[in-house]
C-alpha atoms as a PDB file:
ATOM      1  CA  UNK A   1      72.878  73.975 109.511  1.00  0.00           C
ATOM      2  CA  UNK A   2      71.667  72.634 106.192  1.00  0.00           C
ATOM      3  CA  UNK A   3      74.677  73.459 104.040  1.00  0.00           C
ATOM      4  CA  UNK A   4      77.962  75.288 104.244  1.00  0.00           C
ATOM      5  CA  UNK A   5      78.113  78.941 103.212  1.00  0.00           C
ATOM      6  CA  UNK A   6      80.353  81.114 101.117  1.00  0.00           C
ATOM      7  CA  UNK A   7      80.907  84.516 102.731  1.00  0.00           C
ATOM      8  CA  UNK A   8      82.010  87.882 101.345  1.00  0.00           C
ATOM      9  CA  UNK A   9      83.334  90.028 104.211  1.00  0.00           C
ATOM     10  CA  UNK A  10      83.553  93.798 103.890  1.00  0.00           C
ATOM     11  CA  UNK A  11      81.256  93.636 100.890  1.00  0.00           C
ATOM     12  CA  UNK A  12      80.698  97.392 100.806  1.00  0.00           C
ATOM     13  CA  UNK A  13      79.335  98.613  97.513  1.00  0.00           C
ATOM     14  CA  UNK A  14      80.945  95.770  95.521  1.00  0.00           C
ATOM     15  CA  UNK A  15      78.356  93.043  96.005  1.00  0.00           C
ATOM     16  CA  UNK A  16      79.244  89.637  94.601  1.00  0.00           C
ATOM     17  CA  UNK A  17      76.042  87.669  94.234  1.00  0.00           C
ATOM     18  CA  UNK A  18      77.836  84.330  93.944  1.00  0.00           C
ATOM     19  CA  UNK A  19      78.409  84.487  97.746  1.00  0.00           C
ATOM     20  CA  UNK A  20      75.634  83.254 100.043  1.00  0.00           C
ATOM     21  CA  UNK A  21      76.313  85.821 102.742  1.00  0.00           C
ATOM     22  CA  UNK A  22      77.531  89.378 102.133  1.00  0.00           C
ATOM     23  CA  UNK A  23      78.708  91.074 105.336  1.00  0.00           C
ATOM     24  CA  UNK A  24      79.525  94.734 105.888  1.00  0.00           C
ATOM     25  CA  UNK A  25      79.696  97.168 108.779  1.00  0.00           C
ATOM     26  CA  UNK A  26      77.277  99.401 106.866  1.00  0.00           C
ATOM     27  CA  UNK A  27      73.690  98.668 105.889  1.00  0.00           C
ATOM     28  CA  UNK A  28      74.067  98.884 102.114  1.00  0.00           C
ATOM     29  CA  UNK A  29      72.029  97.435  99.243  1.00  0.00           C
ATOM     30  CA  UNK A  30      72.919  93.759  98.753  1.00  0.00           C
ATOM     31  CA  UNK A  31      74.430  93.332 102.230  1.00  0.00           C
ATOM     32  CA  UNK A  32      72.492  90.607 104.027  1.00  0.00           C
ATOM     33  CA  UNK A  33      74.317  90.748 107.390  1.00  0.00           C
ATOM     34  CA  UNK A  34      75.300  94.058 108.962  1.00  0.00           C
ATOM     35  CA  UNK A  35      78.205  93.191 111.255  1.00  0.00           C
ATOM     36  CA  UNK A  36      81.780  94.082 112.054  1.00  0.00           C
ATOM     37  CA  UNK A  37      84.024  91.554 110.279  1.00  0.00           C
ATOM     38  CA  UNK A  38      85.914  91.182 113.561  1.00  0.00           C
ATOM     39  CA  UNK A  39      82.815  89.875 115.348  1.00  0.00           C
ATOM     40  CA  UNK A  40      80.758  87.343 113.430  1.00  0.00           C
ATOM     41  CA  UNK A  41      78.732  85.998 116.364  1.00  0.00           C
ATOM     42  CA  UNK A  42      75.699  85.711 114.106  1.00  0.00           C
ATOM     43  CA  UNK A  43      77.479  82.968 112.142  1.00  0.00           C
ATOM     44  CA  UNK A  44      77.969  79.586 113.750  1.00  0.00           C
ATOM     45  CA  UNK A  45      81.292  77.787 114.073  1.00  0.00           C
ATOM     46  CA  UNK A  46      82.352  75.876 110.949  1.00  0.00           C
ATOM     47  CA  UNK A  47      79.554  77.368 108.833  1.00  0.00           C
ATOM     48  CA  UNK A  48      81.634  78.406 105.791  1.00  0.00           C
ATOM     49  CA  UNK A  49      83.661  76.693 103.095  1.00  0.00           C
ATOM     50  CA  UNK A  50      84.996  79.996 101.737  1.00  0.00           C
ATOM     51  CA  UNK A  51      85.533  83.449 103.199  1.00  0.00           C
ATOM     52  CA  UNK A  52      86.534  86.290 100.901  1.00  0.00           C
ATOM     53  CA  UNK A  53      87.957  89.466 102.446  1.00  0.00           C
ATOM     54  CA  UNK A  54      88.932  91.975  99.784  1.00  0.00           C
ATOM     55  CA  UNK A  55      90.776  95.056 101.003  1.00  0.00           C
ATOM     56  CA  UNK A  56      89.679  94.532 104.583  1.00  0.00           C
ATOM     57  CA  UNK A  57      92.515  93.062 106.696  1.00  0.00           C
ATOM     58  CA  UNK A  58      94.597  96.266 106.412  1.00  0.00           C
ATOM     59  CA  UNK A  59      91.896  98.159 108.331  1.00  0.00           C
ATOM     60  CA  UNK A  60      92.915  96.399 111.561  1.00  0.00           C
ATOM     61  CA  UNK A  61      96.032  96.873 113.711  1.00  0.00           C
ATOM     62  CA  UNK A  62      98.568  94.058 113.849  1.00  0.00           C
ATOM     63  CA  UNK A  63      97.145  92.912 117.202  1.00  0.00           C
ATOM     64  CA  UNK A  64      93.548  93.125 115.941  1.00  0.00           C
ATOM     65  CA  UNK A  65      94.469  91.109 112.856  1.00  0.00           C
ATOM     66  CA  UNK A  66      95.268  88.079 115.019  1.00  0.00           C
ATOM     67  CA  UNK A  67      91.852  88.315 116.711  1.00  0.00           C
ATOM     68  CA  UNK A  68      90.100  88.850 113.367  1.00  0.00           C
ATOM     69  CA  UNK A  69      91.840  85.850 111.816  1.00  0.00           C
ATOM     70  CA  UNK A  70      90.872  83.719 114.829  1.00  0.00           C
ATOM     71  CA  UNK A  71      87.238  84.753 114.308  1.00  0.00           C
ATOM     72  CA  UNK A  72      87.392  83.944 110.577  1.00  0.00           C
ATOM     73  CA  UNK A  73      89.013  80.589 111.380  1.00  0.00           C
ATOM     74  CA  UNK A  74      86.172  79.879 113.837  1.00  0.00           C
ATOM     75  CA  UNK A  75      83.584  80.459 111.089  1.00  0.00           C
ATOM     76  CA  UNK A  76      85.437  78.366 108.498  1.00  0.00           C
ATOM     77  CA  UNK A  77      84.801  74.638 108.267  1.00  0.00           C
ATOM     78  CA  UNK A  78      87.870  72.372 108.618  1.00  0.00           C
ATOM     79  CA  UNK A  79      90.077  72.919 105.551  1.00  0.00           C
ATOM     80  CA  UNK A  80      87.963  75.966 104.616  1.00  0.00           C
ATOM     81  CA  UNK A  81      89.496  78.486 102.251  1.00  0.00           C
ATOM     82  CA  UNK A  82      90.303  82.109 103.109  1.00  0.00           C
ATOM     83  CA  UNK A  83      90.782  84.492 100.178  1.00  0.00           C
ATOM     84  CA  UNK A  84      92.402  87.841 100.983  1.00  0.00           C
ATOM     85  CA  UNK A  85      93.244  90.789  98.770  1.00  0.00           C
ATOM     86  CA  UNK A  86      95.143  93.635 100.424  1.00  0.00           C
ATOM     87  CA  UNK A  87      97.527  96.365  99.303  1.00  0.00           C
ATOM     88  CA  UNK A  88     101.039  94.952  98.844  1.00  0.00           C
ATOM     89  CA  UNK A  89     103.379  97.064 100.990  1.00  0.00           C
ATOM     90  CA  UNK A  90     106.431  96.085  98.916  1.00  0.00           C
ATOM     91  CA  UNK A  91     104.714  97.065  95.635  1.00  0.00           C
ATOM     92  CA  UNK A  92     103.659 100.476  96.990  1.00  0.00           C
ATOM     93  CA  UNK A  93     107.110 101.183  98.464  1.00  0.00           C
ATOM     94  CA  UNK A  94     108.804 100.301  95.143  1.00  0.00           C
ATOM     95  CA  UNK A  95     106.240 102.251  93.093  1.00  0.00           C
ATOM     96  CA  UNK A  96     106.713 105.345  95.248  1.00  0.00           C
ATOM     97  CA  UNK A  97     110.506 105.162  94.971  1.00  0.00           C
ATOM     98  CA  UNK A  98     110.199 104.823  91.177  1.00  0.00           C
ATOM     99  CA  UNK A  99     107.763 107.762  90.913  1.00  0.00           C
ATOM    100  CA  UNK A 100     104.838 105.618  89.733  1.00  0.00           C
ATOM    101  CA  UNK A 101     102.622 106.774  92.596  1.00  0.00           C
ATOM    102  CA  UNK A 102     102.689 110.075  94.488  1.00  0.00           C
ATOM    103  CA  UNK A 103     103.423 110.643  98.167  1.00  0.00           C
ATOM    104  CA  UNK A 104      99.761 111.069  99.125  1.00  0.00           C
ATOM    105  CA  UNK A 105      98.694 107.732  97.600  1.00  0.00           C
ATOM    106  CA  UNK A 106     101.708 106.036  99.178  1.00  0.00           C
ATOM    107  CA  UNK A 107     101.014 107.458 102.644  1.00  0.00           C
ATOM    108  CA  UNK A 108      97.260 106.768 102.593  1.00  0.00           C
ATOM    109  CA  UNK A 109      97.677 103.211 101.294  1.00  0.00           C
ATOM    110  CA  UNK A 110     100.370 102.287 103.803  1.00  0.00           C
ATOM    111  CA  UNK A 111      98.630 104.075 106.684  1.00  0.00           C
ATOM    112  CA  UNK A 112     101.492 106.459 107.363  1.00  0.00           C
ATOM    113  CA  UNK A 113      99.725 109.782 106.758  1.00  0.00           C
ATOM    114  CA  UNK A 114      98.455 111.457 103.624  1.00  0.00           C
ATOM    115  CA  UNK A 115      95.381 113.551 103.105  1.00  0.00           C
ATOM    116  CA  UNK A 116      92.261 111.437 103.263  1.00  0.00           C
ATOM    117  CA  UNK A 117      88.779 111.801 104.604  1.00  0.00           C
ATOM    118  CA  UNK A 118      87.385 108.696 106.214  1.00  0.00           C
ATOM    119  CA  UNK A 119      83.598 108.620 105.777  1.00  0.00           C
ATOM    120  CA  UNK A 120      82.907 105.610 108.015  1.00  0.00           C
ATOM    121  CA  UNK A 121      84.539 103.538 110.803  1.00  0.00           C
ATOM    122  CA  UNK A 122      87.422 101.211 109.947  1.00  0.00           C
ATOM    123  CA  UNK A 123      88.288 103.177 106.827  1.00  0.00           C
ATOM    124  CA  UNK A 124      91.961 103.976 107.570  1.00  0.00           C
ATOM    125  CA  UNK A 125      94.741 101.493 106.776  1.00  0.00           C
ATOM    126  CA  UNK A 126      96.440 100.433 110.004  1.00  0.00           C
ATOM    127  CA  UNK A 127      98.665  97.450 109.145  1.00  0.00           C
ATOM    128  CA  UNK A 128      99.539  96.685 105.514  1.00  0.00           C
ATOM    129  CA  UNK A 129     101.162  93.386 104.551  1.00  0.00           C
ATOM    130  CA  UNK A 130     103.902  92.398 102.173  1.00  0.00           C
ATOM    131  CA  UNK A 131     104.262  88.735 101.230  1.00  0.00           C
ATOM    132  CA  UNK A 132     106.546  87.894 104.173  1.00  0.00           C
ATOM    133  CA  UNK A 133     104.198  89.500 106.724  1.00  0.00           C
ATOM    134  CA  UNK A 134     101.176  87.793 105.148  1.00  0.00           C
ATOM    135  CA  UNK A 135     102.807  84.382 105.417  1.00  0.00           C
ATOM    136  CA  UNK A 136     104.070  85.010 108.963  1.00  0.00           C
ATOM    137  CA  UNK A 137     100.717  86.328 110.221  1.00  0.00           C
ATOM    138  CA  UNK A 138      98.646  83.574 108.632  1.00  0.00           C
ATOM    139  CA  UNK A 139     101.032  80.882 109.864  1.00  0.00           C
ATOM    140  CA  UNK A 140     100.741  82.258 113.399  1.00  0.00           C
ATOM    141  CA  UNK A 141      96.923  82.232 113.032  1.00  0.00           C
ATOM    142  CA  UNK A 142      97.074  78.550 111.960  1.00  0.00           C
ATOM    143  CA  UNK A 143      96.378  78.913 108.267  1.00  0.00           C
ATOM    144  CA  UNK A 144      98.327  77.115 105.540  1.00  0.00           C
ATOM    145  CA  UNK A 145      99.187  79.592 102.761  1.00  0.00           C
ATOM    146  CA  UNK A 146      98.468  77.906  99.428  1.00  0.00           C
ATOM    147  CA  UNK A 147      99.128  80.905  97.164  1.00  0.00           C
ATOM    148  CA  UNK A 148     100.536  84.383  97.705  1.00  0.00           C
ATOM    149  CA  UNK A 149     101.250  86.764  94.835  1.00  0.00           C
ATOM    150  CA  UNK A 150     101.137  90.395  93.773  1.00  0.00           C
ATOM    151  CA  UNK A 151      98.499  91.188  91.184  1.00  0.00           C
ATOM    152  CA  UNK A 152      98.244  94.130  88.808  1.00  0.00           C
ATOM    153  CA  UNK A 153      97.788  97.455  90.563  1.00  0.00           C
ATOM    154  CA  UNK A 154      99.556  96.447  93.738  1.00  0.00           C
ATOM    155  CA  UNK A 155      97.110  94.044  95.372  1.00  0.00           C
ATOM    156  CA  UNK A 156      98.542  91.135  97.298  1.00  0.00           C
ATOM    157  CA  UNK A 157      96.379  88.037  96.794  1.00  0.00           C
ATOM    158  CA  UNK A 158      96.535  85.321  99.427  1.00  0.00           C
ATOM    159  CA  UNK A 159      94.758  81.964  99.438  1.00  0.00           C
ATOM    160  CA  UNK A 160      95.021  80.063 102.689  1.00  0.00           C
ATOM    161  CA  UNK A 161      93.467  76.936 104.169  1.00  0.00           C
ATOM    162  CA  UNK A 162      92.286  76.637 107.741  1.00  0.00           C
ATOM    163  CA  UNK A 163      94.348  73.984 109.566  1.00  0.00           C
END
């Protein structure tokens, strides 16, 4: 390996060209590795300094999340950085109670029902984090949470370091 990589997982249609490797389950323009984010066998151990997973972790069950995080940790170099954006369960629950979002958006986002059509595999939300769950899950997966905050629009941002 000549140099360490930066990786965008679950790139989808939002390609960020500042990442060396853009991974998605679907063969889309700009994706340079078609792979399930849960199985990155095509990437060697310790190959990445940064992994970005935006609105991806919630598409796995709680049990799958531990396996996925172990795979991402395998790909990260020691002290590598994991960047995660995911819906913030607490923000969506509060926004629904206050009438800011409707029942359908609430149920689809939190994976508890709603009317949605899923056009491709791994599209449904299966386990959505709030800050406490994010910290607990990442700690269990041997990541050190450096930053965890809710951003505008209800996204939970988490920055963690592989330990």
